[in-house]
N, C-alpha and C. Protein backbone atom coordinates (compact mmCIF):
# COMPACT_ATOMS: atom_id res chain seq x y z
N MET A 1 38.41 179.19 466.66
CA MET A 1 37.40 179.53 465.55
C MET A 1 36.84 180.44 465.51
N THR A 2 36.59 181.15 464.28
CA THR A 2 36.65 182.85 464.52
C THR A 2 35.52 182.12 463.40
N ILE A 3 33.73 182.60 463.53
CA ILE A 3 32.51 182.62 463.02
C ILE A 3 32.74 183.79 461.81
N GLY A 4 32.82 183.51 461.06
CA GLY A 4 32.80 185.47 459.76
C GLY A 4 30.71 185.34 459.41
N VAL A 5 30.74 186.38 459.53
CA VAL A 5 28.90 186.59 459.76
C VAL A 5 28.70 187.62 458.92
N MET A 6 28.19 187.47 457.79
CA MET A 6 27.50 188.30 457.43
C MET A 6 26.18 189.30 457.45
N LEU A 7 25.49 190.12 457.32
CA LEU A 7 24.50 190.90 457.66
C LEU A 7 23.37 191.53 456.68
N VAL A 8 22.13 191.06 456.34
CA VAL A 8 21.00 190.80 455.02
C VAL A 8 20.68 191.99 455.68
N ASP A 9 19.90 192.67 455.66
CA ASP A 9 18.93 193.63 455.79
C ASP A 9 18.54 194.99 455.53
N ASP A 10 17.66 195.45 454.97
CA ASP A 10 17.62 197.17 454.76
C ASP A 10 17.45 197.83 455.39
N GLN A 11 17.08 197.70 456.59
CA GLN A 11 17.06 198.99 457.68
C GLN A 11 18.96 199.14 458.26
N PRO A 12 19.39 199.96 457.50
CA PRO A 12 20.53 200.41 458.30
C PRO A 12 20.77 200.37 459.87
N PHE A 13 19.53 201.01 460.34
CA PHE A 13 20.02 200.64 461.83
C PHE A 13 19.74 199.51 462.75
N LEU A 14 18.81 198.08 461.71
CA LEU A 14 18.82 196.99 462.27
C LEU A 14 20.40 196.48 461.79
N ARG A 15 20.89 196.87 460.77
CA ARG A 15 22.54 196.27 460.96
C ARG A 15 23.65 197.22 461.77
N LEU A 16 23.02 198.50 462.15
CA LEU A 16 24.25 198.72 463.08
C LEU A 16 24.17 197.96 464.24
N GLY A 17 22.74 198.15 464.85
CA GLY A 17 22.62 197.00 466.34
C GLY A 17 22.65 195.83 466.45
N LEU A 18 23.13 195.62 465.10
CA LEU A 18 23.44 193.78 464.55
C LEU A 18 25.01 193.75 465.13
N ARG A 19 26.05 194.95 464.82
CA ARG A 19 27.25 195.15 464.56
C ARG A 19 27.33 195.69 466.04
N MET A 20 26.69 196.57 466.35
CA MET A 20 26.30 196.82 468.57
C MET A 20 26.68 195.24 468.88
N VAL A 21 25.97 194.65 468.67
CA VAL A 21 25.48 193.44 470.11
C VAL A 21 27.21 192.25 469.27
N LEU A 22 27.85 192.73 467.99
CA LEU A 22 27.95 191.02 467.81
C LEU A 22 29.87 191.64 467.77
N GLU A 23 29.75 192.65 467.29
CA GLU A 23 31.39 192.70 467.02
C GLU A 23 31.91 192.83 468.24
N PRO A 24 31.99 193.15 469.37
CA PRO A 24 32.45 192.94 470.81
C PRO A 24 32.34 191.29 471.61
N GLU A 25 31.73 190.50 470.58
CA GLU A 25 32.29 189.27 470.36
C GLU A 25 33.17 188.58 470.54
N PRO A 26 34.09 187.69 471.07
CA PRO A 26 35.27 186.75 470.30
C PRO A 26 34.87 185.98 469.94
N GLY A 27 35.52 185.60 468.76
CA GLY A 27 34.92 184.73 467.69
C GLY A 27 34.13 184.85 466.93
N ILE A 28 34.00 185.73 466.63
CA ILE A 28 32.94 186.65 465.98
C ILE A 28 32.90 187.46 464.25
N GLU A 29 33.30 187.65 463.29
CA GLU A 29 34.03 188.72 462.66
C GLU A 29 32.88 188.89 461.77
N ILE A 30 32.40 190.26 461.34
CA ILE A 30 31.34 191.17 460.29
C ILE A 30 32.24 191.01 459.43
N VAL A 31 31.73 190.11 458.38
CA VAL A 31 32.77 190.21 457.67
C VAL A 31 31.95 190.50 455.75
N GLY A 32 30.10 191.21 456.35
CA GLY A 32 30.42 192.21 455.18
C GLY A 32 28.83 192.56 455.26
N GLU A 33 28.75 193.38 455.02
CA GLU A 33 26.09 194.02 454.94
C GLU A 33 26.61 193.98 453.83
N ALA A 34 25.00 193.60 453.35
CA ALA A 34 24.28 194.13 451.92
C ALA A 34 22.70 194.72 452.20
N GLU A 35 22.16 195.15 451.37
CA GLU A 35 20.72 195.74 452.01
C GLU A 35 19.80 195.13 451.39
N ASP A 36 19.78 194.12 450.11
CA ASP A 36 19.19 193.49 449.88
C ASP A 36 19.50 192.28 449.24
N GLY A 37 18.62 191.31 448.82
CA GLY A 37 19.29 189.76 447.97
C GLY A 37 20.07 189.99 446.92
N SER A 38 18.78 190.71 446.41
CA SER A 38 20.43 190.87 445.14
C SER A 38 21.69 191.49 445.58
N SER A 39 22.43 192.45 445.72
CA SER A 39 23.38 192.52 446.37
C SER A 39 24.02 191.46 447.31
N ALA A 40 23.10 190.48 448.26
CA ALA A 40 23.84 189.60 448.98
C ALA A 40 24.42 188.56 448.31
N VAL A 41 23.88 187.81 447.38
CA VAL A 41 23.90 186.45 446.64
C VAL A 41 25.41 186.65 446.12
N PRO A 42 25.74 188.10 445.30
CA PRO A 42 27.52 187.97 445.02
C PRO A 42 27.97 187.89 446.44
N MET A 43 28.28 188.71 446.94
CA MET A 43 28.72 189.13 448.44
C MET A 43 29.00 188.14 449.56
N SER A 44 27.81 186.86 449.25
CA SER A 44 28.09 185.49 449.46
C SER A 44 28.85 185.27 449.16
N ALA A 45 28.51 184.76 447.49
CA ALA A 45 29.47 184.09 446.64
C ALA A 45 31.20 184.97 446.69
N ALA A 46 31.00 186.26 447.57
CA ALA A 46 33.01 186.36 447.42
C ALA A 46 33.86 186.53 448.48
N LEU A 47 32.94 186.26 449.36
CA LEU A 47 33.72 186.77 451.03
C LEU A 47 33.13 185.52 452.06
N LYS A 48 32.29 184.25 451.54
CA LYS A 48 32.67 183.14 451.74
C LYS A 48 32.26 182.96 453.28
N PRO A 49 30.64 183.50 454.32
CA PRO A 49 30.51 183.79 455.59
C PRO A 49 30.13 182.77 455.81
N ASP A 50 30.71 181.85 457.11
CA ASP A 50 29.98 181.29 458.19
C ASP A 50 28.60 181.28 457.66
N VAL A 51 28.10 182.70 458.50
CA VAL A 51 26.48 182.52 458.84
C VAL A 51 26.14 183.57 458.35
N VAL A 52 25.01 183.46 457.96
CA VAL A 52 23.82 184.85 457.38
C VAL A 52 23.19 185.09 457.92
N LEU A 53 23.02 186.12 458.67
CA LEU A 53 21.98 186.73 459.28
C LEU A 53 20.89 187.25 458.16
N MET A 54 19.75 186.60 457.66
CA MET A 54 18.78 187.24 456.69
C MET A 54 17.79 187.45 456.52
N ASP A 55 17.02 188.64 456.40
CA ASP A 55 15.87 189.49 456.11
C ASP A 55 15.09 189.42 455.50
N VAL A 56 14.07 189.41 455.32
CA VAL A 56 12.87 188.61 454.89
C VAL A 56 11.91 189.58 453.52
N ARG A 57 11.89 190.29 454.08
CA ARG A 57 11.02 191.39 453.70
C ARG A 57 11.97 192.51 453.02
N MET A 58 12.83 192.46 451.94
CA MET A 58 13.48 193.67 451.21
C MET A 58 13.47 193.68 449.37
N GLN A 59 13.57 195.13 449.20
CA GLN A 59 13.60 195.46 447.67
C GLN A 59 14.54 194.56 447.38
N LYS A 60 14.03 194.89 445.88
CA LYS A 60 15.12 194.36 444.97
C LYS A 60 14.36 192.96 444.32
N MET A 61 15.07 191.85 446.08
CA MET A 61 15.31 191.04 446.20
C MET A 61 14.39 189.56 447.45
N ASP A 62 14.22 189.51 447.46
CA ASP A 62 13.73 189.27 449.24
C ASP A 62 14.24 187.54 449.61
N GLY A 63 14.56 187.45 451.37
CA GLY A 63 15.68 186.93 451.68
C GLY A 63 15.27 185.53 451.24
N ILE A 64 13.93 184.81 450.79
CA ILE A 64 14.16 184.21 450.82
C ILE A 64 14.04 183.87 449.01
N THR A 65 14.11 183.72 448.00
CA THR A 65 15.07 183.50 446.39
C THR A 65 16.60 184.22 447.27
N ALA A 66 16.85 184.90 448.14
CA ALA A 66 18.38 184.58 447.66
C ALA A 66 19.00 183.47 448.54
N THR A 67 18.15 183.42 449.99
CA THR A 67 18.81 182.06 450.44
C THR A 67 19.33 181.01 449.70
N GLU A 68 17.51 181.12 448.76
CA GLU A 68 18.14 180.36 447.89
C GLU A 68 19.18 179.94 446.22
N LYS A 69 19.68 181.60 446.50
CA LYS A 69 20.89 181.73 445.03
C LYS A 69 21.96 181.31 445.76
N ILE A 70 22.20 182.10 447.09
CA ILE A 70 23.38 181.61 448.82
C ILE A 70 23.98 179.93 448.73
N LEU A 71 22.66 179.37 449.01
CA LEU A 71 22.76 177.84 449.10
C LEU A 71 23.04 177.32 448.43
N ALA A 72 22.31 177.64 447.58
CA ALA A 72 22.65 176.50 445.83
C ALA A 72 24.30 176.93 445.23
N GLU A 73 24.82 178.40 445.57
CA GLU A 73 26.46 178.72 445.59
C GLU A 73 26.87 178.26 445.52
N ARG A 74 27.10 177.95 446.85
CA ARG A 74 28.11 177.69 448.84
C ARG A 74 27.01 176.96 449.19
N PRO A 75 26.64 176.15 449.92
CA PRO A 75 26.01 175.31 450.14
C PRO A 75 25.97 174.89 451.94
N GLU A 76 28.16 175.10 452.02
CA GLU A 76 27.97 175.19 453.16
C GLU A 76 27.95 176.47 454.00
N THR A 77 27.00 177.41 453.59
CA THR A 77 26.72 178.35 454.51
C THR A 77 25.77 178.76 455.14
N LYS A 78 25.60 178.57 456.21
CA LYS A 78 24.13 178.38 457.21
C LYS A 78 23.63 180.12 456.72
N VAL A 79 22.17 179.67 456.29
CA VAL A 79 21.56 180.70 457.25
C VAL A 79 20.80 180.97 457.99
N LEU A 80 20.42 182.16 459.04
CA LEU A 80 19.54 181.97 459.79
C LEU A 80 19.33 183.66 459.06
N ILE A 81 17.58 183.21 459.42
CA ILE A 81 16.59 183.91 458.86
C ILE A 81 15.96 184.95 460.34
N LEU A 82 16.25 186.17 459.74
CA LEU A 82 15.31 186.99 461.25
C LEU A 82 13.62 188.00 460.87
N THR A 83 13.26 187.76 461.36
CA THR A 83 11.76 188.08 460.89
C THR A 83 10.81 188.69 462.01
N THR A 84 9.87 189.91 461.73
CA THR A 84 9.65 190.39 462.64
C THR A 84 8.10 190.13 463.80
N PHE A 85 7.86 189.23 462.67
CA PHE A 85 6.64 188.14 462.88
C PHE A 85 7.17 186.95 463.71
N ASP A 86 6.63 186.58 463.84
CA ASP A 86 6.03 185.06 464.69
C ASP A 86 5.23 184.42 464.25
N LEU A 87 4.74 184.76 463.04
CA LEU A 87 3.66 183.96 462.15
C LEU A 87 3.49 184.15 460.67
N ASP A 88 5.31 184.88 459.84
CA ASP A 88 5.34 184.59 459.06
C ASP A 88 5.80 183.88 457.92
N GLU A 89 4.31 183.45 456.99
CA GLU A 89 4.22 183.09 456.25
C GLU A 89 5.65 182.49 455.66
N TYR A 90 6.83 184.36 455.01
CA TYR A 90 7.46 183.53 454.21
C TYR A 90 8.31 182.88 455.44
N VAL A 91 8.46 182.44 456.25
CA VAL A 91 9.45 182.29 457.43
C VAL A 91 9.27 180.38 457.20
N PHE A 92 8.60 180.10 456.41
CA PHE A 92 8.25 178.44 456.54
C PHE A 92 8.41 178.73 454.46
N ALA A 93 8.55 179.35 453.75
CA ALA A 93 9.17 180.02 452.62
C ALA A 93 11.12 179.16 452.79
N GLY A 94 11.12 179.94 453.88
CA GLY A 94 12.58 180.09 453.63
C GLY A 94 13.52 178.60 454.53
N LEU A 95 12.74 178.55 455.28
CA LEU A 95 13.23 176.96 455.52
C LEU A 95 13.14 175.72 454.62
N ARG A 96 12.88 175.56 453.96
CA ARG A 96 11.93 174.95 453.16
C ARG A 96 13.05 175.52 452.32
N ALA A 97 13.46 176.38 451.85
CA ALA A 97 14.71 177.03 450.87
C ALA A 97 15.63 176.75 451.63
N GLY A 98 16.01 176.01 452.56
CA GLY A 98 17.78 175.30 453.10
C GLY A 98 17.92 176.28 454.45
N ALA A 99 17.44 177.53 454.85
CA ALA A 99 18.12 178.06 455.69
C ALA A 99 17.90 177.33 457.21
N SER A 100 18.89 177.01 458.22
CA SER A 100 18.88 176.46 458.86
C SER A 100 18.07 176.92 460.42
N GLY A 101 17.70 178.14 459.73
CA GLY A 101 16.14 178.42 461.27
C GLY A 101 15.71 179.61 461.59
N PHE A 102 15.03 180.36 462.07
CA PHE A 102 15.18 181.07 462.37
C PHE A 102 14.55 182.07 463.61
N LEU A 103 15.26 183.85 464.03
CA LEU A 103 14.69 184.20 465.23
C LEU A 103 13.76 185.22 464.73
N LEU A 104 13.12 185.54 465.43
CA LEU A 104 12.06 186.94 466.29
C LEU A 104 14.02 188.18 466.15
N LYS A 105 13.06 189.08 465.32
CA LYS A 105 14.28 189.94 465.13
C LYS A 105 14.91 190.68 466.57
N ASP A 106 13.26 190.56 467.45
CA ASP A 106 13.92 191.46 468.66
C ASP A 106 14.23 190.18 469.98
N ALA A 107 14.87 189.08 469.65
CA ALA A 107 15.56 188.60 470.94
C ALA A 107 16.93 188.84 470.38
N PRO A 108 16.79 188.54 472.22
CA PRO A 108 18.05 188.75 472.97
C PRO A 108 19.51 188.41 473.11
N PRO A 109 20.45 189.74 472.53
CA PRO A 109 21.31 189.03 472.44
C PRO A 109 21.59 187.83 472.61
N ASP A 110 21.78 187.33 474.06
CA ASP A 110 22.14 186.13 473.82
C ASP A 110 21.82 184.48 473.70
N VAL A 111 20.42 184.42 473.04
CA VAL A 111 19.90 183.95 472.09
C VAL A 111 20.50 184.01 471.04
N LEU A 112 20.63 185.01 469.84
CA LEU A 112 21.09 185.56 469.12
C LEU A 112 22.35 184.83 468.85
N LEU A 113 23.88 185.08 469.62
CA LEU A 113 24.76 184.80 469.73
C LEU A 113 24.83 182.57 469.57
N THR A 114 23.93 182.73 470.33
CA THR A 114 23.60 181.16 470.62
C THR A 114 23.13 180.19 469.86
N ALA A 115 22.24 181.10 468.43
CA ALA A 115 21.86 180.87 467.73
C ALA A 115 22.80 180.47 466.27
N ILE A 116 23.69 181.56 466.26
CA ILE A 116 25.26 181.88 465.79
C ILE A 116 25.65 180.46 465.07
N SER A 117 26.14 179.97 466.74
CA SER A 117 26.99 179.38 466.78
C SER A 117 26.48 178.11 466.63
N THR A 118 24.98 177.96 466.77
CA THR A 118 24.49 176.79 466.64
C THR A 118 25.14 176.23 465.11
N VAL A 119 23.87 177.05 464.42
CA VAL A 119 24.01 176.60 462.69
C VAL A 119 25.23 176.86 462.77
N ALA A 120 26.48 177.01 463.04
CA ALA A 120 27.97 177.40 462.68
C ALA A 120 28.49 175.82 462.66
N THR A 121 28.14 175.04 463.71
CA THR A 121 28.57 174.31 464.15
C THR A 121 27.92 173.27 462.98
N GLY A 122 26.40 173.68 462.14
CA GLY A 122 26.17 173.03 461.64
C GLY A 122 25.02 172.08 462.08
N ASP A 123 24.23 172.76 463.26
CA ASP A 123 22.97 171.96 463.82
C ASP A 123 21.75 173.43 463.03
N ALA A 124 21.12 173.11 464.09
CA ALA A 124 19.51 174.35 462.53
C ALA A 124 18.87 174.93 464.08
N VAL A 125 18.54 175.88 464.28
CA VAL A 125 17.78 175.93 465.31
C VAL A 125 16.06 176.18 465.50
N LEU A 126 16.01 175.63 466.10
CA LEU A 126 14.56 175.56 466.46
C LEU A 126 13.50 176.47 467.35
N ALA A 127 13.30 177.59 467.38
CA ALA A 127 12.48 177.35 468.42
C ALA A 127 10.82 177.19 468.57
N PRO A 128 11.28 175.52 470.22
CA PRO A 128 10.32 175.07 469.55
C PRO A 128 8.24 175.62 469.30
N SER A 129 8.44 176.96 469.95
CA SER A 129 7.18 177.51 470.22
C SER A 129 6.48 178.23 469.26
N VAL A 130 7.75 178.75 468.06
CA VAL A 130 7.55 179.85 467.28
C VAL A 130 7.18 178.49 466.35
N THR A 131 7.67 177.28 466.21
CA THR A 131 8.18 176.56 465.14
C THR A 131 6.68 175.76 465.37
N ARG A 132 6.30 175.76 466.57
CA ARG A 132 4.71 174.20 466.35
C ARG A 132 3.97 175.43 465.57
N ARG A 133 4.21 176.60 466.27
CA ARG A 133 2.16 177.11 465.48
C ARG A 133 2.78 177.47 464.38
N LEU A 134 4.02 177.90 463.07
CA LEU A 134 4.16 178.23 462.50
C LEU A 134 3.23 176.50 461.22
N LEU A 135 4.15 175.25 461.52
CA LEU A 135 4.31 173.81 461.23
C LEU A 135 2.58 173.92 460.70
N GLU A 136 2.05 173.94 462.08
CA GLU A 136 0.91 173.78 462.36
C GLU A 136 -0.14 174.81 461.72
N ARG A 137 0.17 175.78 461.39
CA ARG A 137 -0.36 177.20 461.13
C ARG A 137 -0.97 176.26 459.38
N PHE A 138 0.75 176.15 458.04
CA PHE A 138 0.80 175.57 457.26
C PHE A 138 0.80 174.36 456.61
N GLY A 139 1.31 173.18 457.36
CA GLY A 139 0.80 171.49 457.43
C GLY A 139 -0.44 172.32 456.49
N SER A 140 -0.73 172.41 456.78
CA SER A 140 -2.45 171.90 456.21
C SER A 140 -2.72 172.43 455.06
N VAL A 141 -1.52 173.54 454.80
CA VAL A 141 -2.17 173.90 452.83
C VAL A 141 -0.99 173.26 452.64
N MET A 142 -0.82 171.79 452.58
CA MET A 142 0.56 171.45 451.93
C MET A 142 -0.48 170.16 450.48
N PRO A 143 0.51 170.14 449.08
CA PRO A 143 0.30 169.61 448.98
C PRO A 143 -0.11 167.81 449.67
N GLY A 144 -1.24 166.91 449.04
CA GLY A 144 -1.73 165.36 450.05
C GLY A 144 -0.95 164.54 448.76
N ALA A 145 -1.19 164.71 447.99
CA ALA A 145 -1.17 163.21 446.94
C ALA A 145 0.21 162.64 447.55
N GLN A 146 1.38 163.77 446.52
CA GLN A 146 2.83 163.68 446.72
C GLN A 146 3.55 162.61 448.36
N GLY A 147 2.53 163.38 449.26
CA GLY A 147 3.09 163.60 450.68
C GLY A 147 2.45 162.20 451.15
N ALA A 148 2.32 161.76 450.37
CA ALA A 148 0.95 160.08 451.15
C ALA A 148 2.27 159.37 450.77
N GLN A 149 2.07 159.43 449.32
CA GLN A 149 3.76 158.43 448.79
C GLN A 149 4.45 159.11 449.37
N ARG A 150 5.67 160.02 449.80
CA ARG A 150 6.66 159.90 449.87
C ARG A 150 6.55 159.81 451.59
N ARG A 151 5.34 159.57 452.60
CA ARG A 151 5.33 159.08 453.58
C ARG A 151 5.68 157.73 453.84
N GLU A 152 5.22 156.97 452.89
CA GLU A 152 5.97 155.62 453.16
C GLU A 152 7.33 155.97 453.20
N GLU A 153 7.59 156.33 451.95
CA GLU A 153 8.82 156.46 451.78
C GLU A 153 10.26 156.62 453.04
N VAL A 154 9.57 157.76 453.57
CA VAL A 154 10.41 157.52 454.86
C VAL A 154 9.90 157.07 455.72
N LEU A 155 8.79 157.12 456.16
CA LEU A 155 8.78 155.46 457.28
C LEU A 155 9.87 154.31 457.00
N ALA A 156 9.89 153.70 455.95
CA ALA A 156 10.22 152.02 455.56
C ALA A 156 11.72 153.02 455.37
N ALA A 157 12.90 154.05 455.50
CA ALA A 157 13.78 154.01 455.40
C ALA A 157 13.84 153.93 456.69
N LEU A 158 13.14 153.85 458.38
CA LEU A 158 14.01 154.07 459.02
C LEU A 158 12.97 152.97 459.99
N THR A 159 14.14 152.65 461.16
CA THR A 159 13.42 151.37 462.17
C THR A 159 13.07 152.17 462.25
N ASP A 160 12.32 151.58 463.94
CA ASP A 160 11.32 152.01 464.77
C ASP A 160 11.69 152.53 465.62
N ARG A 161 12.46 152.85 466.14
CA ARG A 161 13.59 153.46 467.20
C ARG A 161 14.09 155.30 466.55
N GLU A 162 14.04 154.30 465.12
CA GLU A 162 14.20 155.80 464.06
C GLU A 162 13.13 156.89 463.66
N ARG A 163 12.33 156.03 463.04
CA ARG A 163 11.03 156.89 464.39
C ARG A 163 10.39 157.28 464.82
N GLU A 164 11.10 157.04 466.15
CA GLU A 164 9.93 157.52 467.06
C GLU A 164 11.13 158.74 467.53
N VAL A 165 12.74 158.65 467.38
CA VAL A 165 13.17 159.79 467.70
C VAL A 165 12.43 161.62 466.04
N PHE A 166 12.90 160.11 465.20
CA PHE A 166 12.21 161.36 463.72
C PHE A 166 11.04 162.01 464.71
N LEU A 167 9.43 161.75 464.74
CA LEU A 167 8.14 162.38 465.23
C LEU A 167 8.96 163.56 466.84
N LEU A 168 9.29 163.29 467.01
CA LEU A 168 9.89 164.21 468.54
C LEU A 168 10.57 165.38 468.24
N LEU A 169 11.86 164.98 466.84
CA LEU A 169 12.74 166.18 466.00
C LEU A 169 11.84 167.44 465.78
N ALA A 170 10.02 167.11 464.52
CA ALA A 170 9.65 167.58 464.43
C ALA A 170 8.79 167.90 465.02
N ALA A 171 8.60 167.52 466.33
CA ALA A 171 7.94 168.38 467.49
C ALA A 171 8.71 169.53 467.97
N GLY A 172 9.86 169.36 467.58
CA GLY A 172 11.19 170.95 467.39
C GLY A 172 12.13 169.68 469.47
N ARG A 173 11.85 168.87 469.40
CA ARG A 173 12.39 168.26 470.65
C ARG A 173 14.30 168.40 470.66
N SER A 174 14.42 168.88 471.43
CA SER A 174 15.42 168.84 471.85
C SER A 174 16.84 167.91 471.82
N ASN A 175 17.71 166.94 472.04
CA ASN A 175 18.93 165.81 471.93
C ASN A 175 18.31 165.84 472.97
N GLN A 176 18.46 166.06 474.61
CA GLN A 176 18.27 166.14 475.77
C GLN A 176 17.25 165.57 475.64
N GLU A 177 16.18 166.60 475.47
CA GLU A 177 14.63 165.80 475.92
C GLU A 177 14.15 164.76 475.15
N ILE A 178 15.17 164.47 473.87
CA ILE A 178 14.25 163.78 472.83
C ILE A 178 15.37 162.06 474.23
N ALA A 179 16.45 162.31 474.51
CA ALA A 179 16.95 161.79 475.06
C ALA A 179 15.90 160.90 476.85
N ALA A 180 15.57 162.31 476.95
CA ALA A 180 14.54 162.29 478.31
C ALA A 180 13.85 160.84 478.10
N GLN A 181 12.75 161.62 477.47
CA GLN A 181 11.70 160.72 477.05
C GLN A 181 11.90 159.61 476.62
N LEU A 182 12.74 159.23 475.67
CA LEU A 182 12.97 157.86 475.45
C LEU A 182 13.79 157.45 476.48
N TYR A 183 14.42 157.45 476.97
CA TYR A 183 15.30 156.39 478.55
C TYR A 183 16.72 156.27 477.35
N LEU A 184 17.32 157.64 476.40
CA LEU A 184 18.41 156.85 475.79
C LEU A 184 19.24 157.58 477.03
N SER A 185 20.48 157.87 476.38
CA SER A 185 21.17 158.71 476.35
C SER A 185 21.83 160.28 475.63
N GLU A 186 21.85 160.91 475.49
CA GLU A 186 22.41 161.80 474.27
C GLU A 186 23.36 161.39 473.35
N GLY A 187 23.81 160.42 473.54
CA GLY A 187 24.96 159.92 473.04
C GLY A 187 24.37 159.86 471.65
N THR A 188 23.21 158.30 472.08
CA THR A 188 22.58 157.22 471.45
C THR A 188 22.01 158.22 470.54
N VAL A 189 21.41 159.35 470.69
CA VAL A 189 19.97 160.03 470.79
C VAL A 189 20.41 160.66 468.59
N LYS A 190 22.32 161.46 469.42
CA LYS A 190 22.80 161.91 468.20
C LYS A 190 23.84 161.10 467.20
N VAL A 191 23.45 159.78 467.57
CA VAL A 191 24.19 158.56 466.90
C VAL A 191 22.29 158.95 465.98
N HIS A 192 21.55 158.47 466.19
CA HIS A 192 20.43 158.37 465.98
C HIS A 192 19.66 159.52 464.15
N VAL A 193 19.97 160.49 465.17
CA VAL A 193 19.65 161.59 464.48
C VAL A 193 20.38 162.11 462.90
N GLY A 194 21.58 161.78 463.84
CA GLY A 194 22.64 161.45 462.60
C GLY A 194 22.23 160.18 461.18
N HIS A 195 22.56 159.03 461.76
CA HIS A 195 21.52 157.82 460.99
C HIS A 195 20.17 159.28 459.92
N ILE A 196 18.97 159.36 460.60
CA ILE A 196 17.81 159.77 460.00
C ILE A 196 17.79 160.85 459.04
N LEU A 197 18.72 161.62 459.22
CA LEU A 197 18.90 162.48 458.66
C LEU A 197 19.71 162.19 456.80
N ALA A 198 20.90 161.05 457.43
CA ALA A 198 21.55 160.32 455.90
C ALA A 198 20.84 159.71 455.37
N LYS A 199 19.38 158.77 455.84
CA LYS A 199 18.57 158.00 455.09
C LYS A 199 17.79 159.20 454.28
N LEU A 200 17.44 160.26 455.16
CA LEU A 200 16.67 160.91 454.41
C LEU A 200 17.06 161.67 453.54
N GLY A 201 17.97 162.18 454.19
CA GLY A 201 19.25 163.12 452.28
C GLY A 201 19.13 165.13 452.36
N LEU A 202 18.63 164.71 454.75
CA LEU A 202 18.05 165.50 455.14
C LEU A 202 19.93 166.80 455.15
N ARG A 203 20.02 167.81 455.32
CA ARG A 203 20.90 168.47 456.37
C ARG A 203 21.11 169.17 457.80
N ASP A 204 19.29 169.01 458.39
CA ASP A 204 19.39 169.31 459.13
C ASP A 204 18.51 169.40 459.62
N ARG A 205 18.50 169.49 461.36
CA ARG A 205 17.04 169.39 461.57
C ARG A 205 15.86 169.79 461.99
N VAL A 206 16.20 170.96 460.94
CA VAL A 206 15.17 171.80 461.01
C VAL A 206 14.44 170.88 459.18
N GLN A 207 14.77 170.84 458.16
CA GLN A 207 14.59 170.47 457.62
C GLN A 207 14.18 169.25 457.40
N ALA A 208 14.74 167.71 458.43
CA ALA A 208 13.72 167.44 459.18
C ALA A 208 12.19 167.67 459.46
N VAL A 209 12.17 168.14 460.57
CA VAL A 209 10.59 169.02 460.89
C VAL A 209 9.88 169.53 459.20
N VAL A 210 9.97 169.62 458.54
CA VAL A 210 10.08 170.40 456.96
C VAL A 210 9.04 169.18 456.96
N LEU A 211 10.33 168.36 456.55
CA LEU A 211 9.46 167.38 455.73
C LEU A 211 8.56 165.49 456.78
N ALA A 212 8.67 166.17 457.83
CA ALA A 212 7.99 165.59 458.27
C ALA A 212 5.99 165.65 458.36
N TYR A 213 5.86 167.72 458.27
CA TYR A 213 4.94 167.57 457.66
C TYR A 213 4.17 167.93 456.38
N GLU A 214 5.38 167.68 455.46
CA GLU A 214 4.98 167.64 453.76
C GLU A 214 4.86 166.80 453.65
N ALA A 215 5.83 165.19 454.16
CA ALA A 215 4.23 164.40 454.05
C ALA A 215 3.93 163.70 454.75
N GLY A 216 2.98 164.65 455.80
CA GLY A 216 1.63 164.01 456.74
C GLY A 216 2.44 162.57 457.47
N VAL A 217 4.13 162.77 457.75
CA VAL A 217 4.95 161.51 458.88
C VAL A 217 3.97 162.55 460.24
N VAL A 218 3.85 163.77 459.98
CA VAL A 218 3.22 163.69 461.39
C VAL A 218 1.94 165.43 461.22
N VAL A 219 0.41 164.36 461.59
CA VAL A 219 -0.51 165.37 461.19
C VAL A 219 -0.26 167.43 462.25
N PRO A 220 -0.47 168.14 461.38
CA PRO A 220 -0.34 169.09 461.72
C PRO A 220 -1.36 168.94 462.90
N GLY A 221 -0.60 169.58 464.37
CA GLY A 221 -1.40 170.56 465.21
C GLY A 221 -1.41 169.69 466.03
N SER A 222 -1.37 168.36 466.18
CA SER A 222 -0.78 167.22 466.95
C SER A 222 -0.12 166.38 467.47
N HIS A 223 0.91 166.14 466.32
CA HIS A 223 2.60 166.20 466.32
C HIS A 223 2.33 164.82 467.01
N GLU A 224 1.54 163.41 466.30
CA GLU A 224 1.19 162.11 466.35
C GLU A 224 1.49 161.73 464.83
N LEU A 225 1.92 160.73 464.37
CA LEU A 225 2.16 159.95 463.22
C LEU A 225 1.22 160.08 462.27
N GLY A 226 0.82 160.52 460.82
CA GLY A 226 -0.05 160.62 460.76
C GLY A 226 -0.92 159.11 459.79
């Protein structure tokens, strides 16, 4: 399987660096590159990439708006946000917009390659050390009134075991880590995760994390049920 990748960044040297890393890799094809969000949206619609590597801060149209528009036109495209700062408030907005995860721009090549493969297969990229800090910082400013109602809806939809798995998902745990903590097989955890996403109408693990904080299922800074 060849993964079609589109590069979106306003820095030509960064796009060149990404090309140098990705082009030699078997199974990855650079299908196009755009210098801002406004050109990325129609380009994505025309080229139909599997994965878009999306910068956040760009002229004409930022990466968040571009992510929303790209996924509105073609939901099967996966967007992986690239950011310079691990506490960039735009990253959280990107996750809410439907991005499948984010990476720092200085991530090692092997991490970038793994991330592209991961999101291409429909999973999400969660860098726990960064994601937790980001969500803990901005979780406290989310609306509370609707969140309380949503929390009850979320919890009512899940079984006791699914709530346990959901809590660990919100903490950025992998299937392997969840399995070890709950004394389950990885296959069983994968089934639970699938049920959770289906019941809550979520696309991937990133959306599960965002929902957990938005709805107050997890208290920012604690990773315990609110």
